[in-house]
């Protein structure tokens, strides 16, 4: 499985106060509602796909796999994008997800 990008780690290392605040915010947002962990991971993946952020799609695909989410479930999230984001954007997300599923 791929690791977080070097620049991501460097930023959080150089700015530990921001890193700590970011982690607190992430924990608070995850703990603030009724969604279970699997659902939260799939939503986060969908948001990353919607934004078209390759790095975030990689990160959330990795986290989904680590959470025990099946590749078929991850690909289903990708296919749901086609009617909202269009085929080209969906195919791009498909390639990003497959970077981890086939990697």
PDB file of N, CA and C in Angstrom:
ATOM      1  N   UNK A   1       0.837  -1.170   0.000  1.00  0.00           N
ATOM      2  CA  UNK A   1       0.000   0.000   0.000  1.00  0.00           C
ATOM      3  C   UNK A   1       0.894   1.251   0.000  1.00  0.00           C
ATOM      4  N   UNK A   2       0.459   2.300  -0.689  1.00  0.00           N
ATOM      5  CA  UNK A   2       1.303   3.487  -0.779  1.00  0.00           C
ATOM      6  C   UNK A   2       1.252   4.287   0.514  1.00  0.00           C
ATOM      7  N   UNK A   3       2.308   5.018   0.733  1.00  0.00           N
ATOM      8  CA  UNK A   3       2.407   5.865   1.921  1.00  0.00           C
ATOM      9  C   UNK A   3       1.902   7.264   1.590  1.00  0.00           C
ATOM     10  N   UNK A   4       1.712   8.065   2.638  1.00  0.00           N
ATOM     11  CA  UNK A   4       1.326   9.453   2.425  1.00  0.00           C
ATOM     12  C   UNK A   4       2.439  10.154   1.660  1.00  0.00           C
ATOM     13  N   UNK A   5       2.073  11.135   0.830  1.00  0.00           N
ATOM     14  CA  UNK A   5       3.096  11.856   0.071  1.00  0.00           C
ATOM     15  C   UNK A   5       4.110  12.531   0.985  1.00  0.00           C
ATOM     16  N   UNK A   6       5.331  12.595   0.500  1.00  0.00           N
ATOM     17  CA  UNK A   6       6.424  13.193   1.262  1.00  0.00           C
ATOM     18  C   UNK A   6       6.094  14.621   1.695  1.00  0.00           C
ATOM     19  N   UNK A   7       5.531  15.417   0.797  1.00  0.00           N
ATOM     20  CA  UNK A   7       5.212  16.813   1.122  1.00  0.00           C
ATOM     21  C   UNK A   7       4.187  16.901   2.247  1.00  0.00           C
ATOM     22  N   UNK A   8       3.223  15.984   2.263  1.00  0.00           N
ATOM     23  CA  UNK A   8       2.213  15.935   3.331  1.00  0.00           C
ATOM     24  C   UNK A   8       2.902  15.744   4.680  1.00  0.00           C
ATOM     25  N   UNK A   9       3.753  14.746   4.749  1.00  0.00           N
ATOM     26  CA  UNK A   9       4.469  14.458   5.995  1.00  0.00           C
ATOM     27  C   UNK A   9       5.395  15.597   6.399  1.00  0.00           C
ATOM     28  N   UNK A  10       6.078  16.192   5.434  1.00  0.00           N
ATOM     29  CA  UNK A  10       6.981  17.303   5.737  1.00  0.00           C
ATOM     30  C   UNK A  10       6.214  18.495   6.300  1.00  0.00           C
ATOM     31  N   UNK A  11       5.064  18.811   5.700  1.00  0.00           N
ATOM     32  CA  UNK A  11       4.263  19.935   6.179  1.00  0.00           C
ATOM     33  C   UNK A  11       3.842  19.720   7.619  1.00  0.00           C
ATOM     34  N   UNK A  12       3.324  18.538   7.926  1.00  0.00           N
ATOM     35  CA  UNK A  12       2.863  18.266   9.287  1.00  0.00           C
ATOM     36  C   UNK A  12       4.012  18.216  10.288  1.00  0.00           C
ATOM     37  N   UNK A  13       5.177  17.798   9.849  1.00  0.00           N
ATOM     38  CA  UNK A  13       6.349  17.786  10.720  1.00  0.00           C
ATOM     39  C   UNK A  13       6.843  19.205  10.986  1.00  0.00           C
ATOM     40  N   UNK A  14       6.862  20.020   9.946  1.00  0.00           N
ATOM     41  CA  UNK A  14       7.351  21.393  10.097  1.00  0.00           C
ATOM     42  C   UNK A  14       6.396  22.263  10.914  1.00  0.00           C
ATOM     43  N   UNK A  15       5.099  21.938  10.858  1.00  0.00           N
ATOM     44  CA  UNK A  15       4.094  22.740  11.551  1.00  0.00           C
ATOM     45  C   UNK A  15       3.287  21.854  12.503  1.00  0.00           C
ATOM     46  N   UNK A  16       3.905  21.423  13.610  1.00  0.00           N
ATOM     47  CA  UNK A  16       3.237  20.470  14.511  1.00  0.00           C
ATOM     48  C   UNK A  16       1.975  21.021  15.174  1.00  0.00           C
ATOM     49  N   UNK A  17       1.905  22.315  15.405  1.00  0.00           N
ATOM     50  CA  UNK A  17       0.696  22.889  16.010  1.00  0.00           C
ATOM     51  C   UNK A  17      -0.484  22.761  15.047  1.00  0.00           C
ATOM     52  N   UNK A  18      -0.232  23.030  13.775  1.00  0.00           N
ATOM     53  CA  UNK A  18      -1.274  22.863  12.766  1.00  0.00           C
ATOM     54  C   UNK A  18      -1.648  21.395  12.643  1.00  0.00           C
ATOM     55  N   UNK A  19      -0.652  20.514  12.669  1.00  0.00           N
ATOM     56  CA  UNK A  19      -0.923  19.076  12.577  1.00  0.00           C
ATOM     57  C   UNK A  19      -1.821  18.609  13.718  1.00  0.00           C
ATOM     58  N   UNK A  20      -1.536  19.072  14.924  1.00  0.00           N
ATOM     59  CA  UNK A  20      -2.345  18.675  16.084  1.00  0.00           C
ATOM     60  C   UNK A  20      -3.769  19.209  15.967  1.00  0.00           C
ATOM     61  N   UNK A  21      -3.911  20.451  15.534  1.00  0.00           N
ATOM     62  CA  UNK A  21      -5.239  21.040  15.379  1.00  0.00           C
ATOM     63  C   UNK A  21      -6.023  20.320  14.284  1.00  0.00           C
ATOM     64  N   UNK A  22      -5.345  19.974  13.228  1.00  0.00           N
ATOM     65  CA  UNK A  22      -5.975  19.245  12.115  1.00  0.00           C
ATOM     66  C   UNK A  22      -6.476  17.886  12.597  1.00  0.00           C
ATOM     67  N   UNK A  23      -5.671  17.187  13.351  1.00  0.00           N
ATOM     68  CA  UNK A  23      -6.074  15.874  13.878  1.00  0.00           C
ATOM     69  C   UNK A  23      -7.253  16.001  14.829  1.00  0.00           C
ATOM     70  N   UNK A  24      -7.264  17.054  15.655  1.00  0.00           N
ATOM     71  CA  UNK A  24      -8.399  17.289  16.565  1.00  0.00           C
ATOM     72  C   UNK A  24      -9.673  17.554  15.773  1.00  0.00           C
ATOM     73  N   UNK A  25      -9.572  18.358  14.726  1.00  0.00           N
ATOM     74  CA  UNK A  25     -10.729  18.662  13.894  1.00  0.00           C
ATOM     75  C   UNK A  25     -11.232  17.395  13.199  1.00  0.00           C
ATOM     76  N   UNK A  26     -10.318  16.593  12.690  1.00  0.00           N
ATOM     77  CA  UNK A  26     -10.710  15.342  12.028  1.00  0.00           C
ATOM     78  C   UNK A  26     -11.433  14.414  13.001  1.00  0.00           C
ATOM     79  N   UNK A  27     -10.902  14.287  14.199  1.00  0.00           N
ATOM     80  CA  UNK A  27     -11.536  13.439  15.215  1.00  0.00           C
ATOM     81  C   UNK A  27     -12.919  13.969  15.572  1.00  0.00           C
ATOM     82  N   UNK A  28     -13.028  15.273  15.762  1.00  0.00           N
ATOM     83  CA  UNK A  28     -14.314  15.867  16.114  1.00  0.00           C
ATOM     84  C   UNK A  28     -15.340  15.662  15.004  1.00  0.00           C
ATOM     85  N   UNK A  29     -14.938  15.828  13.751  1.00  0.00           N
ATOM     86  CA  UNK A  29     -15.890  15.661  12.657  1.00  0.00           C
ATOM     87  C   UNK A  29     -16.329  14.207  12.520  1.00  0.00           C
ATOM     88  N   UNK A  30     -15.423  13.276  12.740  1.00  0.00           N
ATOM     89  CA  UNK A  30     -15.772  11.852  12.662  1.00  0.00           C
ATOM     90  C   UNK A  30     -16.686  11.440  13.811  1.00  0.00           C
ATOM     91  N   UNK A  31     -16.471  12.013  14.982  1.00  0.00           N
ATOM     92  CA  UNK A  31     -17.228  11.619  16.176  1.00  0.00           C
ATOM     93  C   UNK A  31     -18.533  12.387  16.362  1.00  0.00           C
ATOM     94  N   UNK A  32     -18.819  13.347  15.495  1.00  0.00           N
ATOM     95  CA  UNK A  32     -19.957  14.241  15.730  1.00  0.00           C
ATOM     96  C   UNK A  32     -21.288  13.746  15.189  1.00  0.00           C
ATOM     97  N   UNK A  33     -21.300  12.616  14.524  1.00  0.00           N
ATOM     98  CA  UNK A  33     -22.562  12.171  13.935  1.00  0.00           C
ATOM     99  C   UNK A  33     -22.750  10.673  14.009  1.00  0.00           C
ATOM    100  N   UNK A  34     -23.845  10.194  13.443  1.00  0.00           N
ATOM    101  CA  UNK A  34     -24.222   8.794  13.587  1.00  0.00           C
ATOM    102  C   UNK A  34     -23.604   7.830  12.568  1.00  0.00           C
ATOM    103  N   UNK A  35     -22.877   8.332  11.582  1.00  0.00           N
ATOM    104  CA  UNK A  35     -22.349   7.435  10.555  1.00  0.00           C
ATOM    105  C   UNK A  35     -21.278   6.515  11.128  1.00  0.00           C
ATOM    106  N   UNK A  36     -21.317   5.264  10.705  1.00  0.00           N
ATOM    107  CA  UNK A  36     -20.295   4.326  11.158  1.00  0.00           C
ATOM    108  C   UNK A  36     -19.004   4.546  10.364  1.00  0.00           C
ATOM    109  N   UNK A  37     -17.948   3.913  10.806  1.00  0.00           N
ATOM    110  CA  UNK A  37     -16.632   4.112  10.205  1.00  0.00           C
ATOM    111  C   UNK A  37     -16.579   3.773   8.731  1.00  0.00           C
ATOM    112  N   UNK A  38     -17.207   2.682   8.336  1.00  0.00           N
ATOM    113  CA  UNK A  38     -17.205   2.279   6.929  1.00  0.00           C
ATOM    114  C   UNK A  38     -17.902   3.332   6.077  1.00  0.00           C
ATOM    115  N   UNK A  39     -19.048   3.768   6.522  1.00  0.00           N
ATOM    116  CA  UNK A  39     -19.790   4.780   5.768  1.00  0.00           C
ATOM    117  C   UNK A  39     -18.988   6.063   5.667  1.00  0.00           C
ATOM    118  N   UNK A  40     -18.364   6.481   6.769  1.00  0.00           N
ATOM    119  CA  UNK A  40     -17.552   7.705   6.739  1.00  0.00           C
ATOM    120  C   UNK A  40     -16.426   7.585   5.721  1.00  0.00           C
ATOM    121  N   UNK A  41     -15.763   6.453   5.681  1.00  0.00           N
ATOM    122  CA  UNK A  41     -14.660   6.270   4.724  1.00  0.00           C
ATOM    123  C   UNK A  41     -15.161   6.343   3.285  1.00  0.00           C
ATOM    124  N   UNK A  42     -16.307   5.744   3.013  1.00  0.00           N
ATOM    125  CA  UNK A  42     -16.851   5.778   1.657  1.00  0.00           C
ATOM    126  C   UNK A  42     -17.291   7.189   1.274  1.00  0.00           C
ATOM    127  N   UNK A  43     -17.855   7.929   2.222  1.00  0.00           N
ATOM    128  CA  UNK A  43     -18.235   9.324   1.956  1.00  0.00           C
ATOM    129  C   UNK A  43     -16.986  10.153   1.674  1.00  0.00           C
ATOM    130  N   UNK A  44     -15.954   9.971   2.478  1.00  0.00           N
ATOM    131  CA  UNK A  44     -14.712  10.733   2.273  1.00  0.00           C
ATOM    132  C   UNK A  44     -14.110  10.431   0.900  1.00  0.00           C
ATOM    133  N   UNK A  45     -14.166   9.159   0.484  1.00  0.00           N
ATOM    134  CA  UNK A  45     -13.693   8.792  -0.845  1.00  0.00           C
ATOM    135  C   UNK A  45     -14.523   9.491  -1.912  1.00  0.00           C
ATOM    136  N   UNK A  46     -15.834   9.482  -1.750  1.00  0.00           N
ATOM    137  CA  UNK A  46     -16.713  10.134  -2.726  1.00  0.00           C
ATOM    138  C   UNK A  46     -16.422  11.635  -2.818  1.00  0.00           C
ATOM    139  N   UNK A  47     -16.189  12.275  -1.681  1.00  0.00           N
ATOM    140  CA  UNK A  47     -15.866  13.700  -1.693  1.00  0.00           C
ATOM    141  C   UNK A  47     -14.558  13.965  -2.436  1.00  0.00           C
ATOM    142  N   UNK A  48     -13.570  13.120  -2.201  1.00  0.00           N
ATOM    143  CA  UNK A  48     -12.282  13.273  -2.886  1.00  0.00           C
ATOM    144  C   UNK A  48     -12.448  13.104  -4.392  1.00  0.00           C
ATOM    145  N   UNK A  49     -13.268  12.127  -4.779  1.00  0.00           N
ATOM    146  CA  UNK A  49     -13.538  11.912  -6.204  1.00  0.00           C
ATOM    147  C   UNK A  49     -14.229  13.145  -6.780  1.00  0.00           C
ATOM    148  N   UNK A  50     -15.223  13.656  -6.068  1.00  0.00           N
ATOM    149  CA  UNK A  50     -15.959  14.823  -6.544  1.00  0.00           C
ATOM    150  C   UNK A  50     -15.083  16.045  -6.739  1.00  0.00           C
ATOM    151  N   UNK A  51     -14.095  16.189  -5.869  1.00  0.00           N
ATOM    152  CA  UNK A  51     -13.167  17.316  -5.999  1.00  0.00           C
ATOM    153  C   UNK A  51     -12.135  17.104  -7.104  1.00  0.00           C
ATOM    154  N   UNK A  52     -11.962  15.852  -7.522  1.00  0.00           N
ATOM    155  CA  UNK A  52     -10.961  15.555  -8.538  1.00  0.00           C
ATOM    156  C   UNK A  52      -9.544  15.629  -8.019  1.00  0.00           C
ATOM    157  N   UNK A  53      -9.370  15.331  -6.732  1.00  0.00           N
ATOM    158  CA  UNK A  53      -8.046  15.383  -6.110  1.00  0.00           C
ATOM    159  C   UNK A  53      -7.425  13.990  -6.072  1.00  0.00           C
ATOM    160  N   UNK A  54      -6.500  13.758  -6.980  1.00  0.00           N
ATOM    161  CA  UNK A  54      -5.875  12.440  -7.104  1.00  0.00           C
ATOM    162  C   UNK A  54      -5.250  11.975  -5.796  1.00  0.00           C
ATOM    163  N   UNK A  55      -4.520  12.836  -5.133  1.00  0.00           N
ATOM    164  CA  UNK A  55      -3.867  12.461  -3.883  1.00  0.00           C
ATOM    165  C   UNK A  55      -4.863  12.076  -2.809  1.00  0.00           C
ATOM    166  N   UNK A  56      -5.957  12.812  -2.726  1.00  0.00           N
ATOM    167  CA  UNK A  56      -6.985  12.499  -1.737  1.00  0.00           C
ATOM    168  C   UNK A  56      -7.692  11.196  -2.082  1.00  0.00           C
ATOM    169  N   UNK A  57      -7.915  10.941  -3.370  1.00  0.00           N
ATOM    170  CA  UNK A  57      -8.515   9.663  -3.772  1.00  0.00           C
ATOM    171  C   UNK A  57      -7.594   8.522  -3.383  1.00  0.00           C
ATOM    172  N   UNK A  58      -6.302   8.684  -3.613  1.00  0.00           N
ATOM    173  CA  UNK A  58      -5.345   7.667  -3.181  1.00  0.00           C
ATOM    174  C   UNK A  58      -5.428   7.451  -1.669  1.00  0.00           C
ATOM    175  N   UNK A  59      -5.409   8.556  -0.929  1.00  0.00           N
ATOM    176  CA  UNK A  59      -5.419   8.460   0.536  1.00  0.00           C
ATOM    177  C   UNK A  59      -6.679   7.776   1.047  1.00  0.00           C
ATOM    178  N   UNK A  60      -7.820   8.156   0.508  1.00  0.00           N
ATOM    179  CA  UNK A  60      -9.069   7.594   1.016  1.00  0.00           C
ATOM    180  C   UNK A  60      -9.307   6.175   0.506  1.00  0.00           C
ATOM    181  N   UNK A  61      -8.746   5.834  -0.638  1.00  0.00           N
ATOM    182  CA  UNK A  61      -8.784   4.430  -1.080  1.00  0.00           C
ATOM    183  C   UNK A  61      -7.940   3.585  -0.135  1.00  0.00           C
ATOM    184  N   UNK A  62      -6.762   4.087   0.198  1.00  0.00           N
ATOM    185  CA  UNK A  62      -5.881   3.373   1.134  1.00  0.00           C
ATOM    186  C   UNK A  62      -6.574   3.193   2.482  1.00  0.00           C
ATOM    187  N   UNK A  63      -7.179   4.249   2.992  1.00  0.00           N
ATOM    188  CA  UNK A  63      -7.861   4.167   4.287  1.00  0.00           C
ATOM    189  C   UNK A  63      -9.053   3.221   4.225  1.00  0.00           C
ATOM    190  N   UNK A  64      -9.771   3.230   3.110  1.00  0.00           N
ATOM    191  CA  UNK A  64     -10.909   2.319   2.956  1.00  0.00           C
ATOM    192  C   UNK A  64     -10.442   0.869   2.997  1.00  0.00           C
ATOM    193  N   UNK A  65      -9.376   0.574   2.298  1.00  0.00           N
ATOM    194  CA  UNK A  65      -8.837  -0.794   2.312  1.00  0.00           C
ATOM    195  C   UNK A  65      -8.380  -1.185   3.716  1.00  0.00           C
ATOM    196  N   UNK A  66      -7.715  -0.254   4.396  1.00  0.00           N
ATOM    197  CA  UNK A  66      -7.255  -0.521   5.766  1.00  0.00           C
ATOM    198  C   UNK A  66      -8.425  -0.750   6.713  1.00  0.00           C
ATOM    199  N   UNK A  67      -9.584  -0.155   6.399  1.00  0.00           N
ATOM    200  CA  UNK A  67     -10.783  -0.319   7.222  1.00  0.00           C
ATOM    201  C   UNK A  67     -11.549  -1.595   6.871  1.00  0.00           C
ATOM    202  N   UNK A  68     -11.016  -2.364   5.922  1.00  0.00           N
ATOM    203  CA  UNK A  68     -11.656  -3.627   5.553  1.00  0.00           C
ATOM    204  C   UNK A  68     -12.743  -3.495   4.499  1.00  0.00           C
ATOM    205  N   UNK A  69     -12.798  -2.367   3.837  1.00  0.00           N
ATOM    206  CA  UNK A  69     -13.790  -2.166   2.780  1.00  0.00           C
ATOM    207  C   UNK A  69     -13.317  -2.902   1.529  1.00  0.00           C
ATOM    208  N   UNK A  70     -14.207  -3.658   0.933  1.00  0.00           N
ATOM    209  CA  UNK A  70     -13.868  -4.494  -0.221  1.00  0.00           C
ATOM    210  C   UNK A  70     -13.622  -3.644  -1.468  1.00  0.00           C
ATOM    211  N   UNK A  71     -12.709  -4.084  -2.328  1.00  0.00           N
ATOM    212  CA  UNK A  71     -12.474  -3.364  -3.587  1.00  0.00           C
ATOM    213  C   UNK A  71     -13.757  -3.141  -4.396  1.00  0.00           C
ATOM    214  N   UNK A  72     -14.670  -4.085  -4.370  1.00  0.00           N
ATOM    215  CA  UNK A  72     -15.922  -3.933  -5.116  1.00  0.00           C
ATOM    216  C   UNK A  72     -16.746  -2.761  -4.573  1.00  0.00           C
ATOM    217  N   UNK A  73     -16.711  -2.566  -3.256  1.00  0.00           N
ATOM    218  CA  UNK A  73     -17.434  -1.449  -2.650  1.00  0.00           C
ATOM    219  C   UNK A  73     -16.789  -0.120  -3.029  1.00  0.00           C
ATOM    220  N   UNK A  74     -15.477  -0.095  -3.061  1.00  0.00           N
ATOM    221  CA  UNK A  74     -14.744   1.108  -3.456  1.00  0.00           C
ATOM    222  C   UNK A  74     -15.064   1.455  -4.905  1.00  0.00           C
ATOM    223  N   UNK A  75     -15.054   0.450  -5.778  1.00  0.00           N
ATOM    224  CA  UNK A  75     -15.360   0.693  -7.187  1.00  0.00           C
ATOM    225  C   UNK A  75     -16.809   1.130  -7.374  1.00  0.00           C
ATOM    226  N   UNK A  76     -17.702   0.661  -6.505  1.00  0.00           N
ATOM    227  CA  UNK A  76     -19.094   1.102  -6.597  1.00  0.00           C
ATOM    228  C   UNK A  76     -19.187   2.604  -6.351  1.00  0.00           C
ATOM    229  N   UNK A  77     -18.413   3.115  -5.399  1.00  0.00           N
ATOM    230  CA  UNK A  77     -18.389   4.558  -5.160  1.00  0.00           C
ATOM    231  C   UNK A  77     -17.952   5.285  -6.432  1.00  0.00           C
ATOM    232  N   UNK A  78     -16.962   4.749  -7.121  1.00  0.00           N
ATOM    233  CA  UNK A  78     -16.496   5.357  -8.368  1.00  0.00           C
ATOM    234  C   UNK A  78     -17.621   5.371  -9.401  1.00  0.00           C
ATOM    235  N   UNK A  79     -18.314   4.249  -9.563  1.00  0.00           N
ATOM    236  CA  UNK A  79     -19.359   4.196 -10.594  1.00  0.00           C
ATOM    237  C   UNK A  79     -20.512   5.149 -10.298  1.00  0.00           C
ATOM    238  N   UNK A  80     -20.760   5.427  -9.035  1.00  0.00           N
ATOM    239  CA  UNK A  80     -21.834   6.356  -8.678  1.00  0.00           C
ATOM    240  C   UNK A  80     -21.544   7.784  -9.142  1.00  0.00           C
ATOM    241  N   UNK A  81     -20.289   8.072  -9.431  1.00  0.00           N
ATOM    242  CA  UNK A  81     -19.903   9.413  -9.856  1.00  0.00           C
ATOM    243  C   UNK A  81     -20.289   9.733 -11.296  1.00  0.00           C
ATOM    244  N   UNK A  82     -20.536   8.721 -12.095  1.00  0.00           N
ATOM    245  CA  UNK A  82     -20.672   8.938 -13.542  1.00  0.00           C
ATOM    246  C   UNK A  82     -21.818   9.876 -13.909  1.00  0.00           C
ATOM    247  N   UNK A  83     -22.958   9.793 -13.253  1.00  0.00           N
ATOM    248  CA  UNK A  83     -24.080  10.647 -13.642  1.00  0.00           C
ATOM    249  C   UNK A  83     -23.986  12.053 -13.057  1.00  0.00           C
ATOM    250  N   UNK A  84     -23.153  12.237 -12.065  1.00  0.00           N
ATOM    251  CA  UNK A  84     -22.973  13.555 -11.465  1.00  0.00           C
ATOM    252  C   UNK A  84     -21.744  14.270 -12.016  1.00  0.00           C
ATOM    253  N   UNK A  85     -20.653  13.535 -12.161  1.00  0.00           N
ATOM    254  CA  UNK A  85     -19.374  14.139 -12.556  1.00  0.00           C
ATOM    255  C   UNK A  85     -19.032  13.947 -14.025  1.00  0.00           C
ATOM    256  N   UNK A  86     -19.712  13.024 -14.694  1.00  0.00           N
ATOM    257  CA  UNK A  86     -19.421  12.737 -16.091  1.00  0.00           C
ATOM    258  C   UNK A  86     -18.421  11.603 -16.246  1.00  0.00           C
ATOM    259  N   UNK A  87     -18.425  11.036 -17.432  1.00  0.00           N
ATOM    260  CA  UNK A  87     -17.573   9.876 -17.699  1.00  0.00           C
ATOM    261  C   UNK A  87     -16.076  10.183 -17.595  1.00  0.00           C
ATOM    262  N   UNK A  88     -15.573  11.283 -18.181  1.00  0.00           N
ATOM    263  CA  UNK A  88     -14.125  11.527 -18.080  1.00  0.00           C
ATOM    264  C   UNK A  88     -13.625  11.636 -16.634  1.00  0.00           C
ATOM    265  N   UNK A  89     -14.368  12.344 -15.786  1.00  0.00           N
ATOM    266  CA  UNK A  89     -13.959  12.486 -14.385  1.00  0.00           C
ATOM    267  C   UNK A  89     -14.052  11.148 -13.652  1.00  0.00           C
ATOM    268  N   UNK A  90     -15.053  10.381 -13.985  1.00  0.00           N
ATOM    269  CA  UNK A  90     -15.221   9.076 -13.353  1.00  0.00           C
ATOM    270  C   UNK A  90     -14.099   8.129 -13.766  1.00  0.00           C
ATOM    271  N   UNK A  91     -13.737   8.159 -15.031  1.00  0.00           N
ATOM    272  CA  UNK A  91     -12.639   7.306 -15.501  1.00  0.00           C
ATOM    273  C   UNK A  91     -11.327   7.733 -14.839  1.00  0.00           C
ATOM    274  N   UNK A  92     -11.124   9.026 -14.651  1.00  0.00           N
ATOM    275  CA  UNK A  92      -9.920   9.484 -13.944  1.00  0.00           C
ATOM    276  C   UNK A  92      -9.903   8.918 -12.531  1.00  0.00           C
ATOM    277  N   UNK A  93     -11.024   9.021 -11.823  1.00  0.00           N
ATOM    278  CA  UNK A  93     -11.101   8.474 -10.460  1.00  0.00           C
ATOM    279  C   UNK A  93     -10.883   6.969 -10.470  1.00  0.00           C
ATOM    280  N   UNK A  94     -11.399   6.301 -11.464  1.00  0.00           N
ATOM    281  CA  UNK A  94     -11.217   4.853 -11.609  1.00  0.00           C
ATOM    282  C   UNK A  94      -9.730   4.508 -11.704  1.00  0.00           C
ATOM    283  N   UNK A  95      -8.988   5.299 -12.471  1.00  0.00           N
ATOM    284  CA  UNK A  95      -7.550   5.012 -12.588  1.00  0.00           C
ATOM    285  C   UNK A  95      -6.836   5.268 -11.268  1.00  0.00           C
ATOM    286  N   UNK A  96      -7.248   6.308 -10.530  1.00  0.00           N
ATOM    287  CA  UNK A  96      -6.600   6.623  -9.246  1.00  0.00           C
ATOM    288  C   UNK A  96      -6.874   5.536  -8.213  1.00  0.00           C
ATOM    289  N   UNK A  97      -8.115   5.065  -8.176  1.00  0.00           N
ATOM    290  CA  UNK A  97      -8.460   3.980  -7.257  1.00  0.00           C
ATOM    291  C   UNK A  97      -7.681   2.724  -7.615  1.00  0.00           C
ATOM    292  N   UNK A  98      -7.602   2.444  -8.910  1.00  0.00           N
ATOM    293  CA  UNK A  98      -6.886   1.237  -9.338  1.00  0.00           C
ATOM    294  C   UNK A  98      -5.384   1.334  -9.098  1.00  0.00           C
ATOM    295  N   UNK A  99      -4.845   2.541  -8.958  1.00  0.00           N
ATOM    296  CA  UNK A  99      -3.426   2.666  -8.594  1.00  0.00           C
ATOM    297  C   UNK A  99      -3.162   1.884  -7.306  1.00  0.00           C
ATOM    298  N   UNK A 100      -4.133   1.909  -6.382  1.00  0.00           N
ATOM    299  CA  UNK A 100      -3.978   1.196  -5.106  1.00  0.00           C
ATOM    300  C   UNK A 100      -4.516  -0.229  -5.171  1.00  0.00           C
ATOM    301  N   UNK A 101      -5.621  -0.428  -5.869  1.00  0.00           N
ATOM    302  CA  UNK A 101      -6.198  -1.772  -5.922  1.00  0.00           C
ATOM    303  C   UNK A 101      -5.324  -2.732  -6.712  1.00  0.00           C
ATOM    304  N   UNK A 102      -4.639  -2.209  -7.709  1.00  0.00           N
ATOM    305  CA  UNK A 102      -3.789  -3.052  -8.554  1.00  0.00           C
ATOM    306  C   UNK A 102      -2.313  -2.921  -8.229  1.00  0.00           C
ATOM    307  N   UNK A 103      -2.000  -2.018  -7.284  1.00  0.00           N
ATOM    308  CA  UNK A 103      -0.612  -1.685  -6.991  1.00  0.00           C
ATOM    309  C   UNK A 103       0.085  -2.688  -6.197  1.00  0.00           C
TER     310      UNK A 103
END
